[in-house]
N, C-alpha and C. Protein backbone atom coordinates (compact mmCIF):
# COMPACT_ATOMS: atom_id res chain seq x y z
N MET A 1 0.86 -1.16 0.00
CA MET A 1 0.00 0.00 0.00
C MET A 1 0.92 1.23 0.00
N GLY A 2 0.65 2.14 -0.94
CA GLY A 2 1.49 3.31 -1.09
C GLY A 2 1.12 4.40 -0.09
N ILE A 3 1.96 5.39 -0.02
CA ILE A 3 1.78 6.50 0.92
C ILE A 3 0.51 7.29 0.60
N LYS A 4 0.21 7.47 -0.69
CA LYS A 4 -0.99 8.22 -1.07
C LYS A 4 -2.24 7.47 -0.63
N THR A 5 -2.25 6.16 -0.75
CA THR A 5 -3.39 5.36 -0.34
C THR A 5 -3.58 5.44 1.18
N LYS A 6 -2.49 5.39 1.93
CA LYS A 6 -2.57 5.48 3.39
C LYS A 6 -3.10 6.84 3.82
N ILE A 7 -2.65 7.91 3.16
CA ILE A 7 -3.12 9.25 3.49
C ILE A 7 -4.62 9.36 3.18
N PHE A 8 -5.00 8.83 2.03
CA PHE A 8 -6.42 8.90 1.64
C PHE A 8 -7.29 8.11 2.62
N LEU A 9 -6.91 6.88 2.98
CA LEU A 9 -7.69 6.07 3.92
C LEU A 9 -7.72 6.71 5.31
N GLY A 10 -6.61 7.33 5.73
CA GLY A 10 -6.60 8.02 7.01
C GLY A 10 -7.55 9.21 7.00
N TRP A 11 -7.58 9.96 5.90
CA TRP A 11 -8.49 11.10 5.77
C TRP A 11 -9.95 10.65 5.80
N VAL A 12 -10.28 9.56 5.08
CA VAL A 12 -11.64 9.03 5.07
C VAL A 12 -12.04 8.57 6.48
N ALA A 13 -11.16 7.89 7.19
CA ALA A 13 -11.45 7.44 8.56
C ALA A 13 -11.67 8.63 9.49
N PHE A 14 -10.83 9.66 9.35
CA PHE A 14 -11.00 10.87 10.16
C PHE A 14 -12.35 11.53 9.89
N GLU A 15 -12.73 11.64 8.63
CA GLU A 15 -14.03 12.23 8.27
C GLU A 15 -15.19 11.41 8.83
N ALA A 16 -15.10 10.09 8.77
CA ALA A 16 -16.18 9.23 9.28
C ALA A 16 -16.33 9.41 10.79
N ILE A 17 -15.22 9.46 11.49
CA ILE A 17 -15.29 9.64 12.95
C ILE A 17 -15.81 11.04 13.28
N SER A 18 -15.36 12.06 12.56
CA SER A 18 -15.81 13.43 12.79
C SER A 18 -17.31 13.57 12.55
N LEU A 19 -17.79 12.88 11.52
CA LEU A 19 -19.21 12.94 11.19
C LEU A 19 -20.05 12.34 12.31
N CYS A 20 -19.58 11.24 12.90
CA CYS A 20 -20.31 10.61 14.01
C CYS A 20 -20.38 11.53 15.23
N ILE A 21 -19.40 12.37 15.41
CA ILE A 21 -19.39 13.31 16.54
C ILE A 21 -20.17 14.57 16.21
N ALA A 22 -20.06 15.07 14.98
CA ALA A 22 -20.66 16.34 14.59
C ALA A 22 -22.18 16.27 14.45
N LEU A 23 -22.73 15.19 13.95
CA LEU A 23 -24.18 15.11 13.74
C LEU A 23 -24.98 15.24 15.04
N PRO A 24 -24.65 14.50 16.10
CA PRO A 24 -25.42 14.71 17.34
C PRO A 24 -25.25 16.12 17.91
N ALA A 25 -24.06 16.69 17.77
CA ALA A 25 -23.87 18.06 18.26
C ALA A 25 -24.72 19.04 17.46
N ALA A 26 -24.78 18.89 16.16
CA ALA A 26 -25.60 19.76 15.32
C ALA A 26 -27.08 19.58 15.64
N ALA A 27 -27.51 18.36 15.90
CA ALA A 27 -28.91 18.12 16.25
C ALA A 27 -29.28 18.81 17.55
N GLN A 28 -28.39 18.83 18.52
CA GLN A 28 -28.67 19.52 19.78
C GLN A 28 -28.79 21.03 19.58
N ILE A 29 -27.97 21.57 18.71
CA ILE A 29 -28.04 23.01 18.44
C ILE A 29 -29.38 23.35 17.81
N VAL A 30 -29.83 22.56 16.86
CA VAL A 30 -31.12 22.81 16.20
C VAL A 30 -32.26 22.69 17.20
N ASP A 31 -32.18 21.74 18.13
CA ASP A 31 -33.23 21.58 19.13
C ASP A 31 -33.27 22.74 20.12
N ARG A 32 -32.15 23.36 20.39
CA ARG A 32 -32.09 24.42 21.39
C ARG A 32 -32.41 25.80 20.83
N VAL A 33 -32.26 25.98 19.53
CA VAL A 33 -32.51 27.28 18.91
C VAL A 33 -33.99 27.37 18.53
N ILE A 34 -34.65 28.43 18.96
CA ILE A 34 -36.06 28.62 18.66
C ILE A 34 -36.17 29.59 17.49
N PHE A 35 -36.77 29.10 16.42
CA PHE A 35 -36.99 29.95 15.27
C PHE A 35 -38.41 30.48 15.35
N SER A 36 -38.57 31.79 15.26
CA SER A 36 -39.91 32.35 15.33
C SER A 36 -40.04 33.46 14.28
N ALA A 37 -41.23 33.57 13.77
CA ALA A 37 -41.53 34.61 12.79
C ALA A 37 -42.16 35.80 13.51
N ALA A 38 -41.99 36.97 12.93
CA ALA A 38 -42.61 38.18 13.49
C ALA A 38 -44.12 38.05 13.41
N PRO A 39 -44.86 38.58 14.40
CA PRO A 39 -46.33 38.51 14.36
C PRO A 39 -46.86 39.26 13.14
N ARG A 40 -47.75 38.58 12.38
CA ARG A 40 -48.34 39.19 11.19
C ARG A 40 -49.79 38.78 11.07
N ALA A 41 -50.56 39.69 10.52
CA ALA A 41 -51.97 39.41 10.23
C ALA A 41 -52.26 39.96 8.83
N ALA A 42 -52.37 39.08 7.87
CA ALA A 42 -52.72 39.50 6.51
C ALA A 42 -54.24 39.52 6.41
N HIS A 43 -54.78 40.56 5.76
CA HIS A 43 -56.23 40.66 5.68
C HIS A 43 -56.66 41.37 4.40
N VAL A 44 -57.89 41.10 4.01
CA VAL A 44 -58.52 41.79 2.88
C VAL A 44 -59.91 42.20 3.33
N VAL A 45 -60.20 43.51 3.24
CA VAL A 45 -61.51 44.05 3.60
C VAL A 45 -62.34 44.15 2.32
N THR A 46 -63.53 43.55 2.34
CA THR A 46 -64.39 43.55 1.16
C THR A 46 -65.77 44.09 1.53
N PRO A 47 -66.09 45.33 1.10
CA PRO A 47 -67.46 45.83 1.31
C PRO A 47 -68.40 45.11 0.33
N LEU A 48 -69.40 44.41 0.85
CA LEU A 48 -70.32 43.65 -0.01
C LEU A 48 -71.47 44.52 -0.51
N ALA A 49 -71.99 45.32 0.39
CA ALA A 49 -73.13 46.19 0.09
C ALA A 49 -73.12 47.26 1.18
N PRO A 50 -73.91 48.32 1.04
CA PRO A 50 -73.98 49.29 2.14
C PRO A 50 -74.40 48.58 3.44
N GLY A 51 -73.60 48.74 4.46
CA GLY A 51 -73.90 48.14 5.75
C GLY A 51 -73.40 46.72 5.93
N MET A 52 -72.64 46.19 4.98
CA MET A 52 -72.11 44.82 5.10
C MET A 52 -70.66 44.77 4.60
N THR A 53 -69.79 44.23 5.45
CA THR A 53 -68.38 44.09 5.09
C THR A 53 -67.90 42.73 5.54
N GLU A 54 -67.04 42.11 4.74
CA GLU A 54 -66.37 40.87 5.13
C GLU A 54 -64.87 41.12 5.14
N ILE A 55 -64.23 40.55 6.14
CA ILE A 55 -62.78 40.66 6.25
C ILE A 55 -62.23 39.24 6.34
N ILE A 56 -61.35 38.89 5.41
CA ILE A 56 -60.69 37.60 5.50
C ILE A 56 -59.33 37.85 6.14
N VAL A 57 -59.03 37.05 7.18
CA VAL A 57 -57.83 37.28 8.00
C VAL A 57 -57.06 35.97 8.13
N ALA A 58 -55.74 36.05 7.91
CA ALA A 58 -54.83 34.94 8.19
C ALA A 58 -53.72 35.50 9.08
N SER A 59 -53.49 34.87 10.22
CA SER A 59 -52.50 35.42 11.15
C SER A 59 -51.69 34.32 11.80
N ASN A 60 -50.48 34.68 12.21
CA ASN A 60 -49.64 33.77 12.98
C ASN A 60 -49.54 34.23 14.43
N ALA A 61 -50.44 35.15 14.81
CA ALA A 61 -50.45 35.70 16.17
C ALA A 61 -51.85 36.24 16.46
N PRO A 62 -52.18 36.45 17.74
CA PRO A 62 -53.47 37.10 18.04
C PRO A 62 -53.54 38.47 17.38
N PHE A 63 -54.76 38.90 17.06
CA PHE A 63 -54.96 40.15 16.33
C PHE A 63 -56.23 40.84 16.81
N THR A 64 -56.44 42.05 16.34
CA THR A 64 -57.67 42.78 16.65
C THR A 64 -58.22 43.39 15.37
N VAL A 65 -59.55 43.50 15.29
CA VAL A 65 -60.22 44.17 14.18
C VAL A 65 -60.56 45.57 14.66
N LEU A 66 -60.10 46.57 13.92
CA LEU A 66 -60.30 47.97 14.28
C LEU A 66 -61.29 48.63 13.33
N SER A 67 -62.05 49.58 13.88
CA SER A 67 -63.00 50.36 13.10
C SER A 67 -62.77 51.83 13.39
N GLU A 68 -62.98 52.66 12.38
CA GLU A 68 -62.85 54.10 12.57
C GLU A 68 -63.88 54.80 11.69
N GLY A 69 -64.45 55.87 12.22
CA GLY A 69 -65.37 56.69 11.44
C GLY A 69 -66.83 56.32 11.54
N ALA A 70 -67.21 55.53 12.54
CA ALA A 70 -68.62 55.14 12.68
C ALA A 70 -68.98 54.99 14.16
N VAL A 71 -70.21 55.36 14.47
CA VAL A 71 -70.77 55.19 15.80
C VAL A 71 -72.08 54.44 15.64
N GLY A 72 -72.28 53.39 16.41
CA GLY A 72 -73.53 52.63 16.34
C GLY A 72 -73.28 51.14 16.42
N GLU A 73 -74.37 50.38 16.43
CA GLU A 73 -74.29 48.93 16.56
C GLU A 73 -73.62 48.29 15.36
N MET A 74 -72.77 47.31 15.66
CA MET A 74 -72.13 46.50 14.62
C MET A 74 -72.27 45.05 15.02
N SER A 75 -72.88 44.28 14.13
CA SER A 75 -73.08 42.86 14.36
C SER A 75 -71.89 42.10 13.78
N LEU A 76 -71.30 41.21 14.59
CA LEU A 76 -70.11 40.47 14.18
C LEU A 76 -70.37 38.97 14.17
N SER A 77 -69.81 38.29 13.20
CA SER A 77 -69.81 36.82 13.20
C SER A 77 -68.54 36.35 12.51
N LEU A 78 -68.18 35.09 12.74
CA LEU A 78 -66.94 34.55 12.23
C LEU A 78 -67.18 33.19 11.61
N THR A 79 -66.59 32.95 10.44
CA THR A 79 -66.66 31.66 9.76
C THR A 79 -65.24 31.13 9.63
N VAL A 80 -65.00 29.91 10.10
CA VAL A 80 -63.66 29.35 10.07
C VAL A 80 -63.30 28.80 8.69
N SER A 81 -64.24 28.23 7.98
CA SER A 81 -63.92 27.69 6.65
C SER A 81 -65.12 27.85 5.72
N GLY A 82 -64.83 27.88 4.44
CA GLY A 82 -65.87 28.04 3.43
C GLY A 82 -65.25 28.28 2.08
N THR A 83 -65.99 28.95 1.20
CA THR A 83 -65.47 29.28 -0.12
C THR A 83 -65.75 30.74 -0.45
N ILE A 84 -64.86 31.32 -1.24
CA ILE A 84 -65.02 32.67 -1.76
C ILE A 84 -64.89 32.56 -3.28
N ASN A 85 -65.97 32.80 -3.97
CA ASN A 85 -65.95 32.69 -5.44
C ASN A 85 -65.33 31.38 -5.92
N GLY A 86 -65.66 30.29 -5.26
CA GLY A 86 -65.16 28.98 -5.64
C GLY A 86 -63.81 28.62 -5.07
N THR A 87 -63.15 29.51 -4.35
CA THR A 87 -61.85 29.23 -3.73
C THR A 87 -62.06 28.92 -2.25
N ALA A 88 -61.59 27.76 -1.83
CA ALA A 88 -61.77 27.35 -0.44
C ALA A 88 -60.81 28.11 0.47
N PHE A 89 -61.30 28.44 1.67
CA PHE A 89 -60.45 29.03 2.70
C PHE A 89 -60.68 28.29 4.01
N GLY A 90 -59.70 28.36 4.90
CA GLY A 90 -59.85 27.83 6.25
C GLY A 90 -59.56 26.36 6.45
N SER A 91 -59.01 25.67 5.45
CA SER A 91 -58.75 24.24 5.63
C SER A 91 -57.65 23.97 6.67
N GLN A 92 -56.78 24.93 6.89
CA GLN A 92 -55.70 24.82 7.89
C GLN A 92 -55.87 25.86 9.00
N ALA A 93 -57.12 26.29 9.22
CA ALA A 93 -57.37 27.37 10.20
C ALA A 93 -58.00 26.83 11.48
N GLN A 94 -57.93 27.64 12.51
CA GLN A 94 -58.61 27.35 13.77
C GLN A 94 -59.38 28.59 14.19
N HIS A 95 -60.36 28.41 15.07
CA HIS A 95 -61.14 29.55 15.56
C HIS A 95 -60.22 30.40 16.43
N PRO A 96 -60.08 31.69 16.13
CA PRO A 96 -59.13 32.52 16.88
C PRO A 96 -59.61 32.97 18.25
N GLY A 97 -60.83 32.67 18.62
CA GLY A 97 -61.33 33.05 19.94
C GLY A 97 -62.75 33.53 19.88
N GLN A 98 -63.40 33.56 21.03
CA GLN A 98 -64.81 33.93 21.11
C GLN A 98 -65.05 35.31 20.51
N ILE A 99 -66.14 35.41 19.74
CA ILE A 99 -66.50 36.68 19.13
C ILE A 99 -67.85 37.11 19.69
N GLN A 100 -67.96 38.38 20.05
CA GLN A 100 -69.23 38.91 20.58
C GLN A 100 -70.16 39.19 19.41
N GLY A 101 -71.42 38.92 19.57
CA GLY A 101 -72.38 39.10 18.49
C GLY A 101 -72.62 40.55 18.11
N CYS A 102 -72.53 41.46 19.07
CA CYS A 102 -72.85 42.86 18.80
C CYS A 102 -71.99 43.77 19.66
N VAL A 103 -71.35 44.73 19.00
CA VAL A 103 -70.59 45.76 19.72
C VAL A 103 -71.05 47.12 19.22
N MET A 104 -70.77 48.16 20.02
CA MET A 104 -71.23 49.50 19.66
C MET A 104 -70.12 50.52 19.91
N PRO A 105 -69.36 50.87 18.87
CA PRO A 105 -68.39 51.96 19.05
C PRO A 105 -69.15 53.24 19.45
N THR A 106 -68.65 53.92 20.46
CA THR A 106 -69.34 55.10 20.98
C THR A 106 -68.73 56.41 20.49
N ALA A 107 -67.66 56.33 19.71
CA ALA A 107 -67.02 57.52 19.14
C ALA A 107 -66.46 57.15 17.77
N PRO A 108 -66.35 58.12 16.87
CA PRO A 108 -65.83 57.82 15.54
C PRO A 108 -64.31 57.61 15.50
N THR A 109 -63.69 57.63 16.67
CA THR A 109 -62.24 57.40 16.74
C THR A 109 -61.96 55.91 16.61
N LEU A 110 -60.70 55.55 16.60
CA LEU A 110 -60.28 54.16 16.44
C LEU A 110 -60.84 53.30 17.57
N SER A 111 -61.60 52.25 17.19
CA SER A 111 -62.22 51.35 18.17
C SER A 111 -61.88 49.91 17.84
N SER A 112 -61.65 49.13 18.88
CA SER A 112 -61.41 47.70 18.71
C SER A 112 -62.74 46.97 18.78
N LEU A 113 -63.12 46.30 17.67
CA LEU A 113 -64.39 45.58 17.62
C LEU A 113 -64.25 44.15 18.12
N TYR A 114 -63.11 43.52 17.80
CA TYR A 114 -62.90 42.11 18.14
C TYR A 114 -61.42 41.89 18.38
N THR A 115 -61.10 41.17 19.44
CA THR A 115 -59.72 40.81 19.72
C THR A 115 -59.61 39.30 19.81
N ALA A 116 -58.81 38.74 18.93
CA ALA A 116 -58.59 37.29 18.90
C ALA A 116 -57.60 36.92 20.00
N THR A 117 -57.80 35.76 20.58
CA THR A 117 -56.89 35.29 21.62
C THR A 117 -55.86 34.30 21.07
N ARG A 118 -56.07 33.84 19.82
CA ARG A 118 -55.15 32.90 19.18
C ARG A 118 -54.93 33.31 17.73
N ARG A 119 -53.96 32.70 17.12
CA ARG A 119 -53.73 32.90 15.69
C ARG A 119 -54.77 32.12 14.89
N THR A 120 -54.91 32.44 13.63
CA THR A 120 -55.85 31.69 12.79
C THR A 120 -55.20 30.43 12.24
N ALA A 121 -53.90 30.43 12.06
CA ALA A 121 -53.19 29.29 11.48
C ALA A 121 -53.13 28.14 12.47
N ALA A 122 -53.75 27.02 12.11
CA ALA A 122 -53.68 25.82 12.96
C ALA A 122 -52.51 24.94 12.54
N ASN A 123 -52.25 24.91 11.24
CA ASN A 123 -51.19 24.09 10.67
C ASN A 123 -50.48 24.89 9.58
N ARG A 124 -49.35 24.36 9.15
CA ARG A 124 -48.65 24.98 8.04
C ARG A 124 -49.48 24.82 6.77
N GLY A 125 -49.29 25.75 5.87
CA GLY A 125 -50.01 25.66 4.61
C GLY A 125 -50.07 27.02 3.94
N GLU A 126 -50.88 27.09 2.91
CA GLU A 126 -51.05 28.34 2.18
C GLU A 126 -51.81 29.34 3.05
N VAL A 127 -51.61 30.62 2.77
CA VAL A 127 -52.24 31.68 3.55
C VAL A 127 -53.76 31.55 3.50
N ILE A 128 -54.32 31.30 2.32
CA ILE A 128 -55.78 31.20 2.19
C ILE A 128 -56.31 30.01 3.00
N GLY A 129 -55.54 28.98 3.15
CA GLY A 129 -55.94 27.83 3.95
C GLY A 129 -55.94 28.12 5.44
N GLN A 130 -55.17 29.13 5.88
CA GLN A 130 -55.07 29.50 7.29
C GLN A 130 -56.01 30.65 7.64
N ALA A 131 -56.82 31.09 6.70
CA ALA A 131 -57.64 32.28 6.89
C ALA A 131 -59.03 31.96 7.44
N VAL A 132 -59.60 32.94 8.14
CA VAL A 132 -60.99 32.90 8.60
C VAL A 132 -61.70 34.14 8.06
N MET A 133 -63.03 34.10 8.04
CA MET A 133 -63.83 35.22 7.52
C MET A 133 -64.59 35.86 8.67
N ILE A 134 -64.47 37.18 8.80
CA ILE A 134 -65.23 37.94 9.79
C ILE A 134 -66.28 38.76 9.04
N HIS A 135 -67.54 38.59 9.44
CA HIS A 135 -68.66 39.30 8.82
C HIS A 135 -69.09 40.43 9.75
N ILE A 136 -69.24 41.63 9.20
CA ILE A 136 -69.66 42.79 9.99
C ILE A 136 -70.86 43.43 9.30
N LYS A 137 -71.93 43.62 10.09
CA LYS A 137 -73.12 44.32 9.60
C LYS A 137 -73.32 45.57 10.44
N TYR A 138 -73.72 46.69 9.78
CA TYR A 138 -73.88 47.96 10.47
C TYR A 138 -74.87 48.81 9.70
N ASP A 139 -75.20 49.96 10.22
CA ASP A 139 -76.15 50.87 9.58
C ASP A 139 -75.64 51.25 8.18
N PRO A 140 -76.45 51.03 7.13
CA PRO A 140 -76.01 51.33 5.76
C PRO A 140 -75.63 52.79 5.53
N ALA A 141 -76.09 53.70 6.38
CA ALA A 141 -75.74 55.11 6.22
C ALA A 141 -74.30 55.40 6.67
N LEU A 142 -73.69 54.48 7.41
CA LEU A 142 -72.33 54.68 7.91
C LEU A 142 -71.29 54.23 6.89
N THR A 143 -70.11 54.82 6.96
CA THR A 143 -69.00 54.42 6.09
C THR A 143 -67.73 54.22 6.92
N PRO A 144 -67.72 53.19 7.77
CA PRO A 144 -66.53 52.97 8.60
C PRO A 144 -65.37 52.41 7.76
N THR A 145 -64.17 52.60 8.27
CA THR A 145 -63.00 51.95 7.69
C THR A 145 -62.55 50.88 8.69
N PHE A 146 -62.18 49.73 8.15
CA PHE A 146 -61.77 48.61 8.99
C PHE A 146 -60.32 48.26 8.71
N ALA A 147 -59.63 47.77 9.73
CA ALA A 147 -58.25 47.31 9.61
C ALA A 147 -58.05 46.16 10.59
N VAL A 148 -57.05 45.35 10.32
CA VAL A 148 -56.67 44.25 11.21
C VAL A 148 -55.21 44.44 11.57
N LYS A 149 -54.91 44.40 12.86
CA LYS A 149 -53.54 44.60 13.35
C LYS A 149 -53.23 43.53 14.40
N THR A 150 -51.96 43.14 14.47
CA THR A 150 -51.54 42.24 15.55
C THR A 150 -51.47 43.05 16.85
N LEU A 151 -51.52 42.36 17.97
CA LEU A 151 -51.64 43.02 19.26
C LEU A 151 -50.40 43.82 19.66
N ASP A 152 -49.28 43.60 18.99
CA ASP A 152 -48.06 44.33 19.34
C ASP A 152 -47.93 45.68 18.64
N GLN A 153 -48.86 46.02 17.76
CA GLN A 153 -48.76 47.28 17.02
C GLN A 153 -49.32 48.44 17.84
N PRO A 154 -48.73 49.64 17.70
CA PRO A 154 -49.10 50.78 18.55
C PRO A 154 -50.56 51.21 18.41
N GLU A 155 -51.15 51.09 17.21
CA GLU A 155 -52.55 51.50 17.03
C GLU A 155 -53.48 50.72 17.94
N VAL A 156 -53.17 49.47 18.15
CA VAL A 156 -54.02 48.60 18.98
C VAL A 156 -54.02 49.07 20.43
N LYS A 157 -52.86 49.51 20.89
CA LYS A 157 -52.74 49.92 22.29
C LYS A 157 -53.51 51.21 22.59
N THR A 158 -53.72 52.05 21.57
CA THR A 158 -54.43 53.32 21.78
C THR A 158 -55.91 53.24 21.43
N ALA A 159 -56.34 52.15 20.80
CA ALA A 159 -57.74 52.02 20.40
C ALA A 159 -58.63 51.70 21.61
N ALA A 160 -59.80 52.33 21.63
CA ALA A 160 -60.78 52.04 22.69
C ALA A 160 -61.52 50.76 22.34
N THR A 161 -61.78 49.94 23.34
CA THR A 161 -62.56 48.72 23.11
C THR A 161 -64.03 49.08 23.03
N ALA A 162 -64.67 48.68 21.92
CA ALA A 162 -66.10 48.96 21.74
C ALA A 162 -66.90 48.13 22.73
N PRO A 163 -67.80 48.76 23.50
CA PRO A 163 -68.61 48.00 24.47
C PRO A 163 -69.64 47.12 23.77
N LEU A 164 -70.09 46.09 24.47
CA LEU A 164 -71.14 45.22 23.95
C LEU A 164 -72.45 46.00 23.86
N CYS A 165 -73.28 45.66 22.91
CA CYS A 165 -74.54 46.38 22.70
C CYS A 165 -75.42 46.36 23.94
N ASN A 166 -75.59 45.20 24.58
CA ASN A 166 -76.49 45.11 25.72
C ASN A 166 -75.90 45.72 26.99
N SER A 167 -74.58 45.97 27.04
CA SER A 167 -74.00 46.55 28.25
C SER A 167 -74.31 48.05 28.36
N LEU A 168 -74.67 48.70 27.27
CA LEU A 168 -74.98 50.13 27.31
C LEU A 168 -76.39 50.39 27.79
N SER A 169 -77.30 49.43 27.61
CA SER A 169 -78.69 49.65 27.99
C SER A 169 -78.94 49.42 29.48
N SER A 170 -78.04 48.76 30.18
CA SER A 170 -78.27 48.50 31.60
C SER A 170 -77.64 49.53 32.49
């Protein structure tokens, strides 16, 4: 056996032994490092008719639905899965938290209508598969603007929470 062959076999043996030591060490590093994405809530606001709006929301964190420019009762409901113009949504979604049936912003300033306690994404997948639909009905004479923000954004911290409809009458 020549010197080149001995060097080559020694190098291969060294690499094999190093690989047996390096793989478990690399696996421990991957297990200890937490990879996380920044909180995001993608949404599309769709006015259907005067007094009716739908918001499709996909989020990886809790979020809130904000309204501005309207005072009065707003009826809210949430659909976890369904179709929009033949396109399915919500196959990888979960219910983001209890939704109140009726809220009443008392000022035209920024108001929080709904605050989710969980993200909409239940599993990995396409954004449309992780989305839920929020339905909002209100007085057709009003023209509110709606937005969806994650709870860490500054607008959410300054927005007033809209009281429940029945809590104002008592």
